[in-house]
Structures are given as structure tokens and as C-alpha cells.
Amino acid sequence: MVKYLLDTHTLIWLIEASPKISLEIKEIFTLSENTVFISSASLWEIAIKAGMGKIRISFEKLIADLTSTNIEILQIENEYLKRLLSLPEIHKDPFDRLLIATALVENLIIVTADENIQKYSVPWLW
């Protein structure tokens, strides 16, 4: 079984059916042996950016869309926060750093186009 963690932009692009999502990434969702997660931190980030008008997305629709998928939501755990403290200062984005720590603790592959995340010693796919 392969376990994946979607970066926030990846989740948004999936919901929007963006052409930025490759066939390889789309196939992750079609294989039953894969488990796909998002972090509650990503939902928090989306809510903040939507509230500020930085992204145009209906948070209610996003939650409804998620309930109709096999994507599981990971809540923020103390172990993720402890791991966050030991990360090198490569990337300043607090949401991305939390995703990195989550992936490291849970042994997940981050699905991301973010080159800053890809600089960490964390498995990633794009």
C-alpha cells in the first residue's frame, strides 16, 4: 500500500480539475491499494485564503466534494509539531512545514509541485 499526502495546491487543482494535474497524479486515486490524505492544516490554509479573497473557492463545496472521495483528513497531532521543530529552515511557509513534518512522521509521499518542499529529505511526487 502506498500512502500519499496532498499539498494544498494539489488539492485545489484536483477539485478544480486543473490541467496542471498529470495523468500519473490522477491515477493515484484510481488504484485501490493507495491511500490519499490531506491535512487539516490544508483546510485551514484554504479557509484563510478564501476569507482573504486570495483564492476563489467555496469552502462548503470543498468539504462536500471531499466527503464524496476516498481522501482521508489527518488532524494535527503533537508528534507532527515536535517533528516540525527539528526541520531545517529551508522553507518559511508554516503550512508547508507542517505538511513536511506530517509526511515524515506518517511515512507519506507528498504530492506537490512546490520546489521548496522538494528540497527537504521527504518523499515527494509530481
C-alpha atoms as a PDB file:
ATOM      1  CA  MET A   1       0.000   0.000   0.000  1.00  0.00           C
ATOM      2  CA  VAL A   2       1.274   3.453  -0.908  1.00  0.00           C
ATOM      3  CA  LYS A   3       0.193   6.433   1.179  1.00  0.00           C
ATOM      4  CA  TYR A   4       0.118   9.976  -0.167  1.00  0.00           C
ATOM      5  CA  LEU A   5      -0.349  13.412   1.381  1.00  0.00           C
ATOM      6  CA  LEU A   6      -1.682  16.126  -0.928  1.00  0.00           C
ATOM      7  CA  ASP A   7      -0.135  19.561  -0.740  1.00  0.00           C
ATOM      8  CA  THR A   8      -2.746  22.312  -0.502  1.00  0.00           C
ATOM      9  CA  HIS A   9      -2.316  23.482  -4.101  1.00  0.00           C
ATOM     10  CA  THR A  10      -2.590  19.886  -5.319  1.00  0.00           C
ATOM     11  CA  LEU A  11      -5.916  19.514  -3.527  1.00  0.00           C
ATOM     12  CA  ILE A  12      -7.212  22.766  -5.018  1.00  0.00           C
ATOM     13  CA  TRP A  13      -6.093  21.778  -8.520  1.00  0.00           C
ATOM     14  CA  LEU A  14      -7.769  18.392  -8.167  1.00  0.00           C
ATOM     15  CA  ILE A  15     -11.038  19.961  -7.071  1.00  0.00           C
ATOM     16  CA  GLU A  16     -10.844  22.463  -9.947  1.00  0.00           C
ATOM     17  CA  ALA A  17      -9.903  19.676 -12.445  1.00  0.00           C
ATOM     18  CA  SER A  18      -6.879  21.744 -13.424  1.00  0.00           C
ATOM     19  CA  PRO A  19      -4.766  20.639 -16.391  1.00  0.00           C
ATOM     20  CA  LYS A  20      -1.755  21.097 -14.086  1.00  0.00           C
ATOM     21  CA  ILE A  21      -2.541  17.651 -12.629  1.00  0.00           C
ATOM     22  CA  SER A  22      -0.767  14.944 -14.618  1.00  0.00           C
ATOM     23  CA  LEU A  23      -2.242  11.577 -15.530  1.00  0.00           C
ATOM     24  CA  GLU A  24       0.206   9.970 -13.103  1.00  0.00           C
ATOM     25  CA  ILE A  25      -1.197  12.025 -10.235  1.00  0.00           C
ATOM     26  CA  LYS A  26      -4.787  11.300 -11.295  1.00  0.00           C
ATOM     27  CA  GLU A  27      -4.003   7.571 -11.330  1.00  0.00           C
ATOM     28  CA  ILE A  28      -3.137   7.697  -7.631  1.00  0.00           C
ATOM     29  CA  PHE A  29      -6.852   7.987  -6.934  1.00  0.00           C
ATOM     30  CA  THR A  30      -7.877   5.104  -9.161  1.00  0.00           C
ATOM     31  CA  LEU A  31      -5.689   2.447  -7.547  1.00  0.00           C
ATOM     32  CA  SER A  32      -7.427   0.842  -4.582  1.00  0.00           C
ATOM     33  CA  GLU A  33      -4.125  -0.019  -2.888  1.00  0.00           C
ATOM     34  CA  ASN A  34      -3.336   3.692  -2.479  1.00  0.00           C
ATOM     35  CA  THR A  35      -4.438   5.756   0.476  1.00  0.00           C
ATOM     36  CA  VAL A  36      -4.684   9.517  -0.007  1.00  0.00           C
ATOM     37  CA  PHE A  37      -4.657  12.016   2.836  1.00  0.00           C
ATOM     38  CA  ILE A  38      -4.956  15.746   3.292  1.00  0.00           C
ATOM     39  CA  SER A  39      -4.012  17.609   6.406  1.00  0.00           C
ATOM     40  CA  SER A  40      -6.477  19.670   8.375  1.00  0.00           C
ATOM     41  CA  ALA A  41      -3.755  22.326   8.041  1.00  0.00           C
ATOM     42  CA  SER A  42      -4.520  22.463   4.306  1.00  0.00           C
ATOM     43  CA  LEU A  43      -8.200  23.044   5.036  1.00  0.00           C
ATOM     44  CA  TRP A  44      -7.196  25.772   7.472  1.00  0.00           C
ATOM     45  CA  GLU A  45      -4.952  27.378   4.820  1.00  0.00           C
ATOM     46  CA  ILE A  46      -7.718  27.238   2.211  1.00  0.00           C
ATOM     47  CA  ALA A  47     -10.228  28.787   4.623  1.00  0.00           C
ATOM     48  CA  ILE A  48      -7.826  31.626   5.428  1.00  0.00           C
ATOM     49  CA  LYS A  49      -7.000  32.343   1.778  1.00  0.00           C
ATOM     50  CA  ALA A  50     -10.659  32.131   0.717  1.00  0.00           C
ATOM     51  CA  GLY A  51     -11.636  34.505   3.527  1.00  0.00           C
ATOM     52  CA  MET A  52      -8.976  36.981   2.383  1.00  0.00           C
ATOM     53  CA  GLY A  53     -10.124  36.719  -1.225  1.00  0.00           C
ATOM     54  CA  LYS A  54      -6.769  35.259  -2.371  1.00  0.00           C
ATOM     55  CA  ILE A  55      -8.476  32.202  -3.828  1.00  0.00           C
ATOM     56  CA  ARG A  56     -11.975  31.769  -5.143  1.00  0.00           C
ATOM     57  CA  ILE A  57     -13.254  28.532  -3.755  1.00  0.00           C
ATOM     58  CA  SER A  58     -16.373  27.618  -1.860  1.00  0.00           C
ATOM     59  CA  PHE A  59     -15.213  26.062   1.381  1.00  0.00           C
ATOM     60  CA  GLU A  60     -18.606  24.383   1.809  1.00  0.00           C
ATOM     61  CA  LYS A  61     -18.344  22.843  -1.665  1.00  0.00           C
ATOM     62  CA  LEU A  62     -14.799  21.709  -0.952  1.00  0.00           C
ATOM     63  CA  ILE A  63     -15.915  19.863   2.180  1.00  0.00           C
ATOM     64  CA  ALA A  64     -18.855  18.333   0.302  1.00  0.00           C
ATOM     65  CA  ASP A  65     -16.536  17.255  -2.523  1.00  0.00           C
ATOM     66  CA  LEU A  66     -14.158  15.670  -0.035  1.00  0.00           C
ATOM     67  CA  THR A  67     -16.895  13.587   1.561  1.00  0.00           C
ATOM     68  CA  SER A  68     -17.590  12.029  -1.830  1.00  0.00           C
ATOM     69  CA  THR A  69     -13.960  10.932  -2.305  1.00  0.00           C
ATOM     70  CA  ASN A  70     -11.706   8.401  -0.639  1.00  0.00           C
ATOM     71  CA  ILE A  71      -9.434  11.175   0.678  1.00  0.00           C
ATOM     72  CA  GLU A  72      -8.888  10.966   4.425  1.00  0.00           C
ATOM     73  CA  ILE A  73      -8.320  14.028   6.605  1.00  0.00           C
ATOM     74  CA  LEU A  74      -5.436  13.927   9.069  1.00  0.00           C
ATOM     75  CA  GLN A  75      -5.831  16.042  12.171  1.00  0.00           C
ATOM     76  CA  ILE A  76      -2.753  17.834  13.513  1.00  0.00           C
ATOM     77  CA  GLU A  77      -1.007  15.648  16.085  1.00  0.00           C
ATOM     78  CA  ASN A  78       1.576  16.598  18.720  1.00  0.00           C
ATOM     79  CA  GLU A  79       4.141  14.336  17.015  1.00  0.00           C
ATOM     80  CA  TYR A  80       3.860  16.430  13.846  1.00  0.00           C
ATOM     81  CA  LEU A  81       4.533  19.597  15.816  1.00  0.00           C
ATOM     82  CA  LYS A  82       7.536  18.041  17.561  1.00  0.00           C
ATOM     83  CA  ARG A  83       8.975  16.975  14.193  1.00  0.00           C
ATOM     84  CA  LEU A  84       8.306  20.457  12.805  1.00  0.00           C
ATOM     85  CA  LEU A  85      10.714  21.895  15.370  1.00  0.00           C
ATOM     86  CA  SER A  86      13.585  19.783  14.017  1.00  0.00           C
ATOM     87  CA  LEU A  87      13.146  20.731  10.355  1.00  0.00           C
ATOM     88  CA  PRO A  88      15.886  22.820   8.739  1.00  0.00           C
ATOM     89  CA  GLU A  89      14.919  26.377   7.818  1.00  0.00           C
ATOM     90  CA  ILE A  90      14.750  25.755   4.055  1.00  0.00           C
ATOM     91  CA  HIS A  91      11.145  26.853   3.698  1.00  0.00           C
ATOM     92  CA  LYS A  92       9.402  29.563   5.724  1.00  0.00           C
ATOM     93  CA  ASP A  93       5.758  28.675   4.905  1.00  0.00           C
ATOM     94  CA  PRO A  94       4.289  27.328   8.159  1.00  0.00           C
ATOM     95  CA  PHE A  95       1.605  25.257   6.423  1.00  0.00           C
ATOM     96  CA  ASP A  96       4.116  23.567   4.126  1.00  0.00           C
ATOM     97  CA  ARG A  97       6.477  22.900   7.014  1.00  0.00           C
ATOM     98  CA  LEU A  98       3.631  21.218   8.898  1.00  0.00           C
ATOM     99  CA  LEU A  99       2.858  19.073   5.848  1.00  0.00           C
ATOM    100  CA  ILE A 100       6.511  18.042   5.644  1.00  0.00           C
ATOM    101  CA  ALA A 101       6.569  17.087   9.325  1.00  0.00           C
ATOM    102  CA  THR A 102       3.302  15.159   8.927  1.00  0.00           C
ATOM    103  CA  ALA A 103       4.663  13.230   5.955  1.00  0.00           C
ATOM    104  CA  LEU A 104       7.842  12.358   7.813  1.00  0.00           C
ATOM    105  CA  VAL A 105       6.034  11.115  10.919  1.00  0.00           C
ATOM    106  CA  GLU A 106       3.393   9.146   8.993  1.00  0.00           C
ATOM    107  CA  ASN A 107       5.710   7.888   6.203  1.00  0.00           C
ATOM    108  CA  LEU A 108       3.705   9.572   3.457  1.00  0.00           C
ATOM    109  CA  ILE A 109       4.703  10.732  -0.010  1.00  0.00           C
ATOM    110  CA  ILE A 110       3.853  14.409  -0.521  1.00  0.00           C
ATOM    111  CA  VAL A 111       2.175  15.153  -3.843  1.00  0.00           C
ATOM    112  CA  THR A 112       3.485  18.618  -4.625  1.00  0.00           C
ATOM    113  CA  ALA A 113       4.820  20.884  -7.343  1.00  0.00           C
ATOM    114  CA  ASP A 114       6.417  23.113  -4.693  1.00  0.00           C
ATOM    115  CA  GLU A 115      10.168  23.121  -5.262  1.00  0.00           C
ATOM    116  CA  ASN A 116      10.812  24.327  -1.707  1.00  0.00           C
ATOM    117  CA  ILE A 117       9.148  21.232  -0.260  1.00  0.00           C
ATOM    118  CA  GLN A 118      11.137  19.093  -2.675  1.00  0.00           C
ATOM    119  CA  LYS A 119      14.375  20.422  -1.108  1.00  0.00           C
ATOM    120  CA  TYR A 120      13.625  18.533   2.129  1.00  0.00           C
ATOM    121  CA  SER A 121      14.518  14.916   2.768  1.00  0.00           C
ATOM    122  CA  VAL A 122      10.916  13.869   2.394  1.00  0.00           C
ATOM    123  CA  PRO A 123       9.485  11.588  -0.297  1.00  0.00           C
ATOM    124  CA  TRP A 124       7.555  13.574  -2.898  1.00  0.00           C
ATOM    125  CA  LEU A 125       5.916  13.069  -6.240  1.00  0.00           C
ATOM    126  CA  TRP A 126       4.993  15.425  -9.034  1.00  0.00           C
END
